[in-house]
Amino acid sequence: MCKETGLELVKLLAERYEEVKRIRESLSEETDKNEYRQRAGEMVGLDSASRIIRNAVGISFEEYIAATAHI
């Protein structure tokens, strides 16, 4: 995988992360326990996938921040 493709994938993961984060914030930790936990797990998975891709193709943290600043 080339660096440009990695950046595109990381952008998509960051967009999904923010979407899941908004959904999770709309849930009540007390009344929606299962979905709240599921969304938290999804966020962890998205973050891990992003980190793996960044490491695999050599995307620096600064490049990551610049690529996802609009999100």
Protein backbone atom coordinates (compact mmCIF):
# COMPACT_ATOMS: atom_id res chain seq x y z
CA MET A 1 0.00 0.00 0.00
CA CYS A 2 1.34 3.44 -0.86
CA LYS A 3 1.33 6.39 1.48
CA GLU A 4 -1.39 8.25 -0.47
CA THR A 5 -3.75 5.27 -0.24
CA GLY A 6 -2.94 4.96 3.45
CA LEU A 7 -3.82 8.61 3.99
CA GLU A 8 -7.15 8.13 2.21
CA LEU A 9 -7.97 5.11 4.36
CA VAL A 10 -6.99 6.97 7.51
CA LYS A 11 -9.25 9.86 6.52
CA LEU A 12 -12.18 7.47 6.04
CA LEU A 13 -11.50 5.85 9.41
CA ALA A 14 -11.33 9.27 11.09
CA GLU A 15 -14.66 10.27 9.54
CA ARG A 16 -16.29 7.06 10.76
CA TYR A 17 -14.73 7.53 14.20
CA GLU A 18 -16.29 10.99 14.50
CA GLU A 19 -19.65 9.65 13.32
CA VAL A 20 -19.58 6.86 15.92
CA LYS A 21 -18.46 9.35 18.57
CA ARG A 22 -21.48 11.58 17.84
CA ILE A 23 -23.81 8.58 18.03
CA ARG A 24 -22.26 7.47 21.30
CA GLU A 25 -22.56 10.96 22.78
CA SER A 26 -26.28 10.92 22.01
CA LEU A 27 -26.74 7.72 24.04
CA SER A 28 -27.24 7.48 27.76
CA GLU A 29 -24.60 5.41 29.49
CA GLU A 30 -27.28 4.20 31.91
CA THR A 31 -30.26 3.45 29.67
CA ASP A 32 -28.43 2.39 26.48
CA LYS A 33 -25.65 0.36 28.10
CA ASN A 34 -25.22 -2.27 25.37
CA GLU A 35 -25.15 0.13 22.44
CA TYR A 36 -23.00 2.58 24.41
CA ARG A 37 -20.42 -0.16 25.01
CA GLN A 38 -20.67 -1.38 21.43
CA ARG A 39 -19.93 2.11 20.10
CA ALA A 40 -17.01 2.47 22.51
CA GLY A 41 -15.58 -0.80 21.19
CA GLU A 42 -16.06 0.35 17.62
CA MET A 43 -14.17 3.57 18.38
CA VAL A 44 -11.26 1.58 19.83
CA GLY A 45 -11.20 -0.66 16.76
CA LEU A 46 -11.24 2.30 14.36
CA ASP A 47 -8.43 4.01 16.26
CA SER A 48 -6.36 0.81 16.26
CA ALA A 49 -6.88 0.26 12.53
CA SER A 50 -5.86 3.85 11.83
CA ARG A 51 -2.71 3.48 13.90
CA ILE A 52 -1.77 0.21 12.16
CA ILE A 53 -2.17 1.79 8.72
CA ARG A 54 -0.22 4.90 9.74
CA ASN A 55 2.64 2.77 11.03
CA ALA A 56 2.60 0.43 8.02
CA VAL A 57 2.94 3.17 5.40
CA GLY A 58 5.01 5.64 7.42
CA ILE A 59 2.47 8.40 8.05
CA SER A 60 3.75 10.73 10.75
CA PHE A 61 1.44 12.08 13.43
CA GLU A 62 1.81 15.54 11.88
CA GLU A 63 0.73 14.21 8.47
CA TYR A 64 -2.21 12.47 10.12
CA ILE A 65 -3.32 15.67 11.85
CA ALA A 66 -3.01 17.66 8.61
CA ALA A 67 -4.97 15.04 6.63
CA THR A 68 -7.81 14.86 9.16
CA ALA A 69 -7.99 18.50 10.25
CA HIS A 70 -11.22 19.09 8.31
CA ILE A 71 -13.07 16.33 10.16
